[in-house]
Amino acid sequence: MTVADERRTDTRSQIREVALALFAEQGYEKTSLREIAERLGITKAAVYYHYKTKEEILASLFDDVAAGIDTIVEWVGTQPAGSETRVEALRRYQELFSGEAAGQLIRFVQESQASFKDLAVGVDMKKRFASIAAALAPGGGSVEDHLRLRLSLIAIHLGAFHTEGLDGSAEERAEAALAIARDLLR
């Protein structure tokens, strides 16, 4: 990789990081490319060189999560159906949402649902959430079984974001969220 390629990759990463922080702080609709550029101390043209729209930045933020969900769904398809597979899939899903950036991503989705659901990336993520829920759903399970499964996925989301006022480290909160997700499957 050349020095120019490294700078370009670094700038793209910085744009994504700042955009996510602004989206989480003030919402997608209220954030502009100009604000992202100003926060970074670069020109709007420099941001535009890397990303043509806010939605393109947002989609890039979800690339890793989308790929991770696809990987889990594929893995589940190669495993025997049962509680062990579902629990391991939940653990893998929880790994996708560990770290500060993932927490900000979930915070953004929670607080910007009105605008997020209508964007292409929102529609795509809704389909991916449904795909992992379907992959993990017990064959012939009841409505309660299916709801418990979806709530277990949401418990992981909550453990990554809704942690204000909770004691313990991020790791302890993540472990607690995973334990609750497992309990919901029973």
N, C-alpha and C. Protein backbone atom coordinates (compact mmCIF):
# COMPACT_ATOMS: atom_id res chain seq x y z
N MET A 1 0.85 -1.18 0.00
CA MET A 1 0.00 0.00 0.00
C MET A 1 0.89 1.24 0.00
N THR A 2 0.57 2.18 -0.86
CA THR A 2 1.37 3.40 -0.94
C THR A 2 0.97 4.36 0.18
N VAL A 3 1.80 5.37 0.37
CA VAL A 3 1.51 6.38 1.39
C VAL A 3 0.19 7.08 1.07
N ALA A 4 -0.04 7.36 -0.21
CA ALA A 4 -1.29 8.01 -0.62
C ALA A 4 -2.49 7.11 -0.31
N ASP A 5 -2.37 5.80 -0.54
CA ASP A 5 -3.45 4.87 -0.23
C ASP A 5 -3.72 4.82 1.26
N GLU A 6 -2.66 4.85 2.08
CA GLU A 6 -2.81 4.85 3.53
C GLU A 6 -3.53 6.10 4.01
N ARG A 7 -3.15 7.26 3.43
CA ARG A 7 -3.82 8.52 3.82
C ARG A 7 -5.28 8.48 3.43
N ARG A 8 -5.58 7.97 2.23
CA ARG A 8 -6.96 7.90 1.76
C ARG A 8 -7.78 7.00 2.69
N THR A 9 -7.23 5.83 3.05
CA THR A 9 -7.92 4.92 3.95
C THR A 9 -8.11 5.56 5.32
N ASP A 10 -7.08 6.25 5.81
CA ASP A 10 -7.18 6.92 7.11
C ASP A 10 -8.24 8.01 7.08
N THR A 11 -8.29 8.79 6.01
CA THR A 11 -9.29 9.85 5.89
C THR A 11 -10.69 9.24 5.84
N ARG A 12 -10.86 8.18 5.08
CA ARG A 12 -12.17 7.50 5.02
C ARG A 12 -12.59 7.03 6.41
N SER A 13 -11.66 6.45 7.15
CA SER A 13 -11.95 5.99 8.51
C SER A 13 -12.33 7.15 9.42
N GLN A 14 -11.61 8.25 9.30
CA GLN A 14 -11.91 9.42 10.13
C GLN A 14 -13.27 9.99 9.78
N ILE A 15 -13.60 10.04 8.51
CA ILE A 15 -14.91 10.54 8.09
C ILE A 15 -16.01 9.66 8.69
N ARG A 16 -15.83 8.36 8.60
CA ARG A 16 -16.82 7.43 9.15
C ARG A 16 -16.98 7.62 10.66
N GLU A 17 -15.86 7.75 11.35
CA GLU A 17 -15.88 7.90 12.81
C GLU A 17 -16.60 9.18 13.22
N VAL A 18 -16.27 10.28 12.57
CA VAL A 18 -16.88 11.57 12.90
C VAL A 18 -18.36 11.56 12.51
N ALA A 19 -18.67 11.01 11.34
CA ALA A 19 -20.07 10.96 10.91
C ALA A 19 -20.90 10.16 11.89
N LEU A 20 -20.39 9.02 12.33
CA LEU A 20 -21.13 8.19 13.29
C LEU A 20 -21.36 8.95 14.59
N ALA A 21 -20.33 9.64 15.07
CA ALA A 21 -20.49 10.43 16.30
C ALA A 21 -21.56 11.50 16.12
N LEU A 22 -21.53 12.20 15.00
CA LEU A 22 -22.53 13.24 14.75
C LEU A 22 -23.92 12.65 14.55
N PHE A 23 -24.03 11.54 13.81
CA PHE A 23 -25.33 10.89 13.63
C PHE A 23 -25.90 10.48 14.98
N ALA A 24 -25.06 9.93 15.85
CA ALA A 24 -25.52 9.48 17.16
C ALA A 24 -25.88 10.66 18.06
N GLU A 25 -25.10 11.75 17.98
CA GLU A 25 -25.33 12.93 18.83
C GLU A 25 -26.58 13.70 18.43
N GLN A 26 -26.70 13.99 17.13
CA GLN A 26 -27.76 14.91 16.72
C GLN A 26 -28.72 14.34 15.69
N GLY A 27 -28.51 13.12 15.28
CA GLY A 27 -29.41 12.49 14.33
C GLY A 27 -28.91 12.62 12.90
N TYR A 28 -29.35 11.70 12.09
CA TYR A 28 -28.94 11.64 10.68
C TYR A 28 -29.40 12.88 9.92
N GLU A 29 -30.67 13.22 10.08
CA GLU A 29 -31.25 14.34 9.32
C GLU A 29 -30.58 15.67 9.63
N LYS A 30 -30.14 15.85 10.87
CA LYS A 30 -29.57 17.13 11.28
C LYS A 30 -28.07 17.23 11.03
N THR A 31 -27.47 16.18 10.49
CA THR A 31 -26.03 16.18 10.22
C THR A 31 -25.80 16.43 8.74
N SER A 32 -24.88 17.31 8.43
CA SER A 32 -24.56 17.60 7.03
C SER A 32 -23.12 17.20 6.72
N LEU A 33 -22.83 17.06 5.44
CA LEU A 33 -21.46 16.79 5.01
C LEU A 33 -20.55 17.93 5.44
N ARG A 34 -21.07 19.16 5.41
CA ARG A 34 -20.29 20.32 5.84
C ARG A 34 -19.87 20.19 7.30
N GLU A 35 -20.81 19.76 8.17
CA GLU A 35 -20.48 19.59 9.59
C GLU A 35 -19.42 18.50 9.80
N ILE A 36 -19.53 17.44 9.04
CA ILE A 36 -18.54 16.37 9.13
C ILE A 36 -17.17 16.92 8.76
N ALA A 37 -17.13 17.66 7.66
CA ALA A 37 -15.86 18.25 7.21
C ALA A 37 -15.31 19.22 8.24
N GLU A 38 -16.16 20.07 8.78
CA GLU A 38 -15.70 21.04 9.78
C GLU A 38 -15.14 20.36 11.02
N ARG A 39 -15.81 19.32 11.49
CA ARG A 39 -15.35 18.61 12.68
C ARG A 39 -13.98 17.98 12.42
N LEU A 40 -13.74 17.55 11.18
CA LEU A 40 -12.46 16.95 10.82
C LEU A 40 -11.39 17.98 10.48
N GLY A 41 -11.82 19.21 10.21
CA GLY A 41 -10.87 20.24 9.80
C GLY A 41 -10.42 20.07 8.35
N ILE A 42 -11.33 19.53 7.51
CA ILE A 42 -11.04 19.39 6.09
C ILE A 42 -12.16 20.07 5.30
N THR A 43 -11.99 20.15 4.00
CA THR A 43 -13.02 20.79 3.18
C THR A 43 -14.15 19.82 2.88
N LYS A 44 -15.31 20.38 2.54
CA LYS A 44 -16.44 19.55 2.14
C LYS A 44 -16.08 18.76 0.89
N ALA A 45 -15.30 19.36 0.01
CA ALA A 45 -14.85 18.68 -1.21
C ALA A 45 -14.03 17.43 -0.87
N ALA A 46 -13.23 17.51 0.19
CA ALA A 46 -12.43 16.36 0.60
C ALA A 46 -13.34 15.22 1.08
N VAL A 47 -14.40 15.55 1.81
CA VAL A 47 -15.36 14.53 2.23
C VAL A 47 -16.04 13.96 0.99
N TYR A 48 -16.45 14.84 0.08
CA TYR A 48 -17.16 14.43 -1.12
C TYR A 48 -16.30 13.53 -2.00
N TYR A 49 -14.99 13.72 -1.96
CA TYR A 49 -14.07 12.87 -2.72
C TYR A 49 -14.20 11.41 -2.28
N HIS A 50 -14.42 11.20 -0.99
CA HIS A 50 -14.51 9.85 -0.45
C HIS A 50 -15.93 9.31 -0.43
N TYR A 51 -16.89 10.17 -0.13
CA TYR A 51 -18.30 9.77 -0.03
C TYR A 51 -19.15 10.85 -0.67
N LYS A 52 -20.01 10.44 -1.60
CA LYS A 52 -20.84 11.42 -2.32
C LYS A 52 -22.03 11.90 -1.49
N THR A 53 -22.49 11.06 -0.57
CA THR A 53 -23.68 11.41 0.23
C THR A 53 -23.54 10.92 1.67
N LYS A 54 -24.38 11.45 2.52
CA LYS A 54 -24.43 10.96 3.91
C LYS A 54 -24.86 9.50 3.93
N GLU A 55 -25.78 9.14 3.06
CA GLU A 55 -26.25 7.77 3.04
C GLU A 55 -25.14 6.81 2.65
N GLU A 56 -24.25 7.24 1.78
CA GLU A 56 -23.10 6.40 1.42
C GLU A 56 -22.19 6.18 2.63
N ILE A 57 -22.01 7.23 3.42
CA ILE A 57 -21.22 7.09 4.66
C ILE A 57 -21.93 6.12 5.60
N LEU A 58 -23.23 6.31 5.77
CA LEU A 58 -24.00 5.47 6.67
C LEU A 58 -23.95 4.01 6.23
N ALA A 59 -24.10 3.77 4.94
CA ALA A 59 -24.04 2.39 4.44
C ALA A 59 -22.67 1.77 4.74
N SER A 60 -21.62 2.55 4.61
CA SER A 60 -20.27 2.02 4.88
C SER A 60 -20.11 1.67 6.36
N LEU A 61 -20.81 2.38 7.23
CA LEU A 61 -20.75 2.09 8.66
C LEU A 61 -21.38 0.73 8.98
N PHE A 62 -22.35 0.32 8.18
CA PHE A 62 -23.04 -0.93 8.42
C PHE A 62 -22.44 -2.11 7.66
N ASP A 63 -21.45 -1.85 6.81
CA ASP A 63 -20.85 -2.93 6.01
C ASP A 63 -20.34 -4.07 6.88
N ASP A 64 -19.61 -3.76 7.94
CA ASP A 64 -19.04 -4.82 8.78
C ASP A 64 -20.13 -5.60 9.51
N VAL A 65 -21.14 -4.90 10.00
CA VAL A 65 -22.23 -5.57 10.70
C VAL A 65 -22.99 -6.47 9.73
N ALA A 66 -23.29 -5.95 8.54
CA ALA A 66 -24.02 -6.73 7.54
C ALA A 66 -23.24 -7.99 7.17
N ALA A 67 -21.95 -7.83 6.92
CA ALA A 67 -21.11 -8.99 6.57
C ALA A 67 -21.06 -9.98 7.73
N GLY A 68 -20.99 -9.46 8.96
CA GLY A 68 -20.98 -10.34 10.13
C GLY A 68 -22.26 -11.13 10.27
N ILE A 69 -23.38 -10.47 10.05
CA ILE A 69 -24.67 -11.17 10.14
C ILE A 69 -24.74 -12.24 9.06
N ASP A 70 -24.32 -11.91 7.84
CA ASP A 70 -24.33 -12.89 6.75
C ASP A 70 -23.46 -14.10 7.10
N THR A 71 -22.31 -13.85 7.71
CA THR A 71 -21.42 -14.94 8.10
C THR A 71 -22.07 -15.84 9.14
N ILE A 72 -22.75 -15.23 10.11
CA ILE A 72 -23.43 -16.01 11.15
C ILE A 72 -24.54 -16.85 10.54
N VAL A 73 -25.34 -16.25 9.66
CA VAL A 73 -26.44 -16.98 9.01
C VAL A 73 -25.89 -18.16 8.21
N GLU A 74 -24.80 -17.93 7.49
CA GLU A 74 -24.18 -19.02 6.72
C GLU A 74 -23.68 -20.12 7.66
N TRP A 75 -23.04 -19.72 8.77
CA TRP A 75 -22.52 -20.68 9.73
C TRP A 75 -23.66 -21.51 10.31
N VAL A 76 -24.75 -20.86 10.69
CA VAL A 76 -25.89 -21.57 11.27
C VAL A 76 -26.39 -22.63 10.29
N GLY A 77 -26.38 -22.31 9.00
CA GLY A 77 -26.84 -23.25 7.98
C GLY A 77 -26.01 -24.51 7.89
N THR A 78 -24.79 -24.47 8.41
CA THR A 78 -23.91 -25.64 8.36
C THR A 78 -23.92 -26.44 9.66
N GLN A 79 -24.68 -25.97 10.64
CA GLN A 79 -24.68 -26.59 11.97
C GLN A 79 -25.97 -27.36 12.21
N PRO A 80 -25.91 -28.32 13.13
CA PRO A 80 -27.16 -29.01 13.50
C PRO A 80 -28.09 -28.04 14.22
N ALA A 81 -29.36 -28.14 13.92
CA ALA A 81 -30.34 -27.28 14.60
C ALA A 81 -30.37 -27.63 16.08
N GLY A 82 -30.53 -26.63 16.90
CA GLY A 82 -30.64 -26.89 18.34
C GLY A 82 -30.15 -25.73 19.16
N SER A 83 -30.30 -25.89 20.46
CA SER A 83 -29.99 -24.79 21.37
C SER A 83 -28.50 -24.44 21.38
N GLU A 84 -27.62 -25.42 21.24
CA GLU A 84 -26.18 -25.12 21.24
C GLU A 84 -25.81 -24.21 20.07
N THR A 85 -26.37 -24.50 18.92
CA THR A 85 -26.11 -23.66 17.73
C THR A 85 -26.66 -22.26 17.95
N ARG A 86 -27.87 -22.14 18.49
CA ARG A 86 -28.47 -20.82 18.73
C ARG A 86 -27.65 -20.02 19.73
N VAL A 87 -27.19 -20.67 20.80
CA VAL A 87 -26.40 -19.96 21.81
C VAL A 87 -25.07 -19.48 21.22
N GLU A 88 -24.41 -20.33 20.44
CA GLU A 88 -23.15 -19.91 19.81
C GLU A 88 -23.39 -18.79 18.81
N ALA A 89 -24.48 -18.85 18.07
CA ALA A 89 -24.81 -17.78 17.13
C ALA A 89 -25.05 -16.46 17.87
N LEU A 90 -25.73 -16.54 19.01
CA LEU A 90 -25.94 -15.33 19.83
C LEU A 90 -24.61 -14.76 20.30
N ARG A 91 -23.70 -15.62 20.71
CA ARG A 91 -22.38 -15.16 21.15
C ARG A 91 -21.67 -14.45 19.99
N ARG A 92 -21.73 -15.03 18.82
CA ARG A 92 -21.10 -14.42 17.65
C ARG A 92 -21.78 -13.09 17.30
N TYR A 93 -23.09 -13.07 17.42
CA TYR A 93 -23.84 -11.84 17.15
C TYR A 93 -23.43 -10.76 18.14
N GLN A 94 -23.27 -11.15 19.38
CA GLN A 94 -22.87 -10.19 20.41
C GLN A 94 -21.49 -9.61 20.12
N GLU A 95 -20.59 -10.41 19.58
CA GLU A 95 -19.26 -9.92 19.21
C GLU A 95 -19.34 -8.80 18.18
N LEU A 96 -20.33 -8.88 17.29
CA LEU A 96 -20.51 -7.82 16.29
C LEU A 96 -20.76 -6.45 16.93
N PHE A 97 -21.38 -6.48 18.10
CA PHE A 97 -21.81 -5.25 18.75
C PHE A 97 -20.97 -4.90 19.97
N SER A 98 -19.75 -5.41 20.01
CA SER A 98 -18.85 -5.03 21.09
C SER A 98 -18.02 -3.83 20.64
N GLY A 99 -17.66 -3.00 21.57
CA GLY A 99 -16.87 -1.82 21.26
C GLY A 99 -17.71 -0.56 21.18
N GLU A 100 -17.04 0.56 21.32
CA GLU A 100 -17.71 1.85 21.37
C GLU A 100 -18.41 2.20 20.07
N ALA A 101 -17.77 1.93 18.94
CA ALA A 101 -18.37 2.27 17.65
C ALA A 101 -19.68 1.51 17.44
N ALA A 102 -19.70 0.25 17.81
CA ALA A 102 -20.92 -0.54 17.67
C ALA A 102 -22.02 0.02 18.56
N GLY A 103 -21.66 0.43 19.76
CA GLY A 103 -22.64 1.05 20.65
C GLY A 103 -23.21 2.32 20.05
N GLN A 104 -22.35 3.12 19.43
CA GLN A 104 -22.83 4.34 18.78
C GLN A 104 -23.75 4.00 17.61
N LEU A 105 -23.42 2.95 16.88
CA LEU A 105 -24.24 2.54 15.75
C LEU A 105 -25.63 2.14 16.22
N ILE A 106 -25.69 1.37 17.28
CA ILE A 106 -26.98 0.96 17.83
C ILE A 106 -27.73 2.18 18.38
N ARG A 107 -27.01 3.06 19.04
CA ARG A 107 -27.63 4.29 19.56
C ARG A 107 -28.24 5.08 18.41
N PHE A 108 -27.50 5.20 17.33
CA PHE A 108 -28.01 5.92 16.16
C PHE A 108 -29.30 5.27 15.66
N VAL A 109 -29.30 3.95 15.50
CA VAL A 109 -30.48 3.27 14.98
C VAL A 109 -31.67 3.47 15.92
N GLN A 110 -31.44 3.34 17.23
CA GLN A 110 -32.52 3.51 18.20
C GLN A 110 -33.11 4.92 18.16
N GLU A 111 -32.24 5.91 18.05
CA GLU A 111 -32.70 7.29 18.15
C GLU A 111 -33.10 7.90 16.81
N SER A 112 -32.79 7.23 15.72
CA SER A 112 -33.09 7.77 14.39
C SER A 112 -33.95 6.81 13.58
N GLN A 113 -34.78 6.05 14.26
CA GLN A 113 -35.57 5.04 13.56
C GLN A 113 -36.43 5.62 12.46
N ALA A 114 -36.99 6.78 12.68
CA ALA A 114 -37.90 7.37 11.69
C ALA A 114 -37.20 7.58 10.35
N SER A 115 -35.98 8.12 10.37
CA SER A 115 -35.28 8.35 9.11
C SER A 115 -34.54 7.10 8.64
N PHE A 116 -34.03 6.29 9.56
CA PHE A 116 -33.24 5.12 9.20
C PHE A 116 -34.06 4.08 8.46
N LYS A 117 -35.29 3.85 8.89
CA LYS A 117 -36.11 2.78 8.30
C LYS A 117 -36.42 3.02 6.83
N ASP A 118 -36.39 4.28 6.39
CA ASP A 118 -36.71 4.59 5.00
C ASP A 118 -35.49 4.63 4.08
N LEU A 119 -34.30 4.59 4.66
CA LEU A 119 -33.08 4.60 3.85
C LEU A 119 -32.79 3.19 3.36
N ALA A 120 -32.10 3.07 2.24
CA ALA A 120 -31.76 1.75 1.69
C ALA A 120 -31.02 0.90 2.71
N VAL A 121 -30.09 1.50 3.44
CA VAL A 121 -29.33 0.74 4.44
C VAL A 121 -30.25 0.26 5.57
N GLY A 122 -31.24 1.04 5.92
CA GLY A 122 -32.20 0.63 6.95
C GLY A 122 -33.03 -0.55 6.50
N VAL A 123 -33.49 -0.50 5.26
CA VAL A 123 -34.27 -1.61 4.71
C VAL A 123 -33.40 -2.87 4.66
N ASP A 124 -32.15 -2.71 4.24
CA ASP A 124 -31.22 -3.84 4.16
C ASP A 124 -30.97 -4.45 5.53
N MET A 125 -30.74 -3.60 6.54
CA MET A 125 -30.47 -4.12 7.88
C MET A 125 -31.71 -4.81 8.47
N LYS A 126 -32.88 -4.30 8.15
CA LYS A 126 -34.11 -4.95 8.62
C LYS A 126 -34.21 -6.36 8.03
N LYS A 127 -33.86 -6.49 6.75
CA LYS A 127 -33.87 -7.81 6.10
C LYS A 127 -32.84 -8.73 6.74
N ARG A 128 -31.68 -8.18 7.07
CA ARG A 128 -30.63 -9.02 7.69
C ARG A 128 -31.05 -9.46 9.10
N PHE A 129 -31.67 -8.56 9.85
CA PHE A 129 -32.17 -8.94 11.18
C PHE A 129 -33.18 -10.07 11.04
N ALA A 130 -34.07 -9.95 10.06
CA ALA A 130 -35.06 -11.00 9.81
C ALA A 130 -34.37 -12.30 9.39
N SER A 131 -33.28 -12.20 8.62
CA SER A 131 -32.60 -13.41 8.17
C SER A 131 -31.93 -14.14 9.31
N ILE A 132 -31.35 -13.42 10.25
CA ILE A 132 -30.72 -14.11 11.38
C ILE A 132 -31.79 -14.67 12.30
N ALA A 133 -32.89 -13.96 12.46
CA ALA A 133 -33.98 -14.47 13.28
C ALA A 133 -34.55 -15.74 12.66
N ALA A 134 -34.71 -15.74 11.34
CA ALA A 134 -35.25 -16.93 10.66
C ALA A 134 -34.27 -18.10 10.75
N ALA A 135 -32.98 -17.81 10.61
CA ALA A 135 -31.96 -18.87 10.67
C ALA A 135 -31.92 -19.52 12.05
N LEU A 136 -32.18 -18.74 13.08
CA LEU A 136 -32.10 -19.25 14.45
C LEU A 136 -33.43 -19.77 14.98
N ALA A 137 -34.51 -19.51 14.25
CA ALA A 137 -35.83 -19.91 14.72
C ALA A 137 -35.94 -21.42 14.80
N PRO A 138 -36.45 -21.91 15.91
CA PRO A 138 -36.63 -23.36 16.02
C PRO A 138 -37.69 -23.83 15.03
N GLY A 139 -37.39 -24.91 14.34
CA GLY A 139 -38.36 -25.46 13.39
C GLY A 139 -39.67 -25.79 14.09
N GLY A 140 -40.76 -25.30 13.54
CA GLY A 140 -42.06 -25.59 14.13
C GLY A 140 -42.28 -24.93 15.47
N GLY A 141 -41.44 -23.96 15.83
CA GLY A 141 -41.58 -23.30 17.12
C GLY A 141 -42.85 -22.48 17.21
N SER A 142 -43.24 -22.21 18.42
CA SER A 142 -44.45 -21.41 18.66
C SER A 142 -44.16 -19.93 18.45
N VAL A 143 -45.21 -19.15 18.45
CA VAL A 143 -45.06 -17.70 18.36
C VAL A 143 -44.19 -17.22 19.52
N GLU A 144 -44.40 -17.78 20.71
CA GLU A 144 -43.60 -17.40 21.86
C GLU A 144 -42.12 -17.72 21.63
N ASP A 145 -41.82 -18.89 21.05
CA ASP A 145 -40.43 -19.26 20.76
C ASP A 145 -39.78 -18.24 19.83
N HIS A 146 -40.50 -17.88 18.79
CA HIS A 146 -39.96 -16.93 17.81
C HIS A 146 -39.78 -15.54 18.43
N LEU A 147 -40.72 -15.14 19.26
CA LEU A 147 -40.60 -13.84 19.93
C LEU A 147 -39.44 -13.84 20.92
N ARG A 148 -39.26 -14.93 21.65
CA ARG A 148 -38.13 -15.03 22.57
C ARG A 148 -36.80 -14.89 21.81
N LEU A 149 -36.73 -15.51 20.66
CA LEU A 149 -35.51 -15.43 19.85
C LEU A 149 -35.24 -13.99 19.44
N ARG A 150 -36.24 -13.31 18.93
CA ARG A 150 -36.04 -11.91 18.52
C ARG A 150 -35.69 -11.02 19.72
N LEU A 151 -36.32 -11.28 20.85
CA LEU A 151 -36.00 -10.51 22.05
C LEU A 151 -34.57 -10.79 22.53
N SER A 152 -34.09 -11.99 22.30
CA SER A 152 -32.71 -12.30 22.69
C SER A 152 -31.73 -11.47 21.85
N LEU A 153 -32.02 -11.29 20.57
CA LEU A 153 -31.18 -10.44 19.72
C LEU A 153 -31.23 -8.99 20.19
N ILE A 154 -32.41 -8.54 20.56
CA ILE A 154 -32.58 -7.17 21.04
C ILE A 154 -31.88 -6.98 22.39
N ALA A 155 -31.87 -8.01 23.22
CA ALA A 155 -31.15 -7.92 24.50
C ALA A 155 -29.67 -7.61 24.25
N ILE A 156 -29.12 -8.21 23.22
CA ILE A 156 -27.72 -7.94 22.88
C ILE A 156 -27.56 -6.49 22.45
N HIS A 157 -28.49 -5.98 21.66
CA HIS A 157 -28.44 -4.57 21.26
C HIS A 157 -28.49 -3.67 22.50
N LEU A 158 -29.41 -3.96 23.39
CA LEU A 158 -29.55 -3.14 24.59
C LEU A 158 -28.31 -3.18 25.45
N GLY A 159 -27.67 -4.32 25.53
CA GLY A 159 -26.44 -4.45 26.30
C GLY A 159 -25.30 -3.63 25.74
N ALA A 160 -25.35 -3.36 24.44
CA ALA A 160 -24.29 -2.57 23.80
C ALA A 160 -24.55 -1.08 23.91
N PHE A 161 -25.80 -0.69 24.13
CA PHE A 161 -26.10 0.75 24.11
C PHE A 161 -26.73 1.27 25.38
N HIS A 162 -27.79 0.71 25.83
CA HIS A 162 -28.53 1.24 26.97
C HIS A 162 -27.86 0.86 28.28
N THR A 163 -26.70 1.44 28.53
CA THR A 163 -25.92 1.05 29.71
C THR A 163 -25.72 2.20 30.68
N GLU A 164 -26.33 3.35 30.41
CA GLU A 164 -26.18 4.47 31.34
C GLU A 164 -26.72 4.08 32.71
N GLY A 165 -25.97 4.40 33.72
CA GLY A 165 -26.39 4.14 35.08
C GLY A 165 -26.16 2.71 35.55
N LEU A 166 -25.61 1.87 34.69
CA LEU A 166 -25.32 0.50 35.09
C LEU A 166 -23.89 0.42 35.60
N ASP A 167 -23.71 -0.32 36.67
CA ASP A 167 -22.36 -0.54 37.19
C ASP A 167 -21.68 -1.60 36.34
N GLY A 168 -20.39 -1.74 36.55
CA GLY A 168 -19.63 -2.78 35.88
C GLY A 168 -18.99 -2.28 34.60
N SER A 169 -18.07 -3.07 34.13
CA SER A 169 -17.33 -2.74 32.91
C SER A 169 -18.17 -3.06 31.68
N ALA A 170 -17.71 -2.61 30.53
CA ALA A 170 -18.39 -2.92 29.28
C ALA A 170 -18.45 -4.43 29.06
N GLU A 171 -17.37 -5.12 29.44
CA GLU A 171 -17.34 -6.58 29.29
C GLU A 171 -18.37 -7.24 30.19
N GLU A 172 -18.51 -6.75 31.41
CA GLU A 172 -19.49 -7.32 32.33
C GLU A 172 -20.91 -7.09 31.82
N ARG A 173 -21.16 -5.90 31.28
CA ARG A 173 -22.49 -5.61 30.74
C ARG A 173 -22.78 -6.49 29.52
N ALA A 174 -21.76 -6.68 28.68
CA ALA A 174 -21.93 -7.54 27.50
C ALA A 174 -22.22 -8.98 27.93
N GLU A 175 -21.50 -9.47 28.93
CA GLU A 175 -21.72 -10.82 29.44
C GLU A 175 -23.14 -10.95 30.01
N ALA A 176 -23.58 -9.92 30.72
CA ALA A 176 -24.93 -9.95 31.30
C ALA A 176 -25.98 -9.97 30.19
N ALA A 177 -25.78 -9.16 29.15
CA ALA A 177 -26.73 -9.13 28.04
C ALA A 177 -26.79 -10.48 27.35
N LEU A 178 -25.63 -11.11 27.17
CA LEU A 178 -25.59 -12.44 26.54
C LEU A 178 -26.28 -13.48 27.43
N ALA A 179 -26.08 -13.40 28.74
CA ALA A 179 -26.73 -14.32 29.66
C ALA A 179 -28.25 -14.17 29.59
N ILE A 180 -28.72 -12.93 29.52
CA ILE A 180 -30.17 -12.69 29.42
C ILE A 180 -30.68 -13.21 28.08
N ALA A 181 -29.91 -12.98 27.02
CA ALA A 181 -30.31 -13.48 25.69
C ALA A 181 -30.43 -14.99 25.71
N ARG A 182 -29.46 -15.65 26.36
CA ARG A 182 -29.53 -17.12 26.47
C ARG A 182 -30.77 -17.56 27.26
N ASP A 183 -31.04 -16.86 28.36
CA ASP A 183 -32.20 -17.19 29.19
C ASP A 183 -33.50 -17.05 28.41
N LEU A 184 -33.55 -16.07 27.53
CA LEU A 184 -34.77 -15.87 26.74
C LEU A 184 -35.03 -17.03 25.78
N LEU A 185 -33.98 -17.72 25.40
CA LEU A 185 -34.15 -18.84 24.47
C LEU A 185 -34.74 -20.07 25.15
N ARG A 186 -34.67 -20.13 26.45
CA ARG A 186 -35.14 -21.32 27.17
C ARG A 186 -36.64 -21.36 27.29
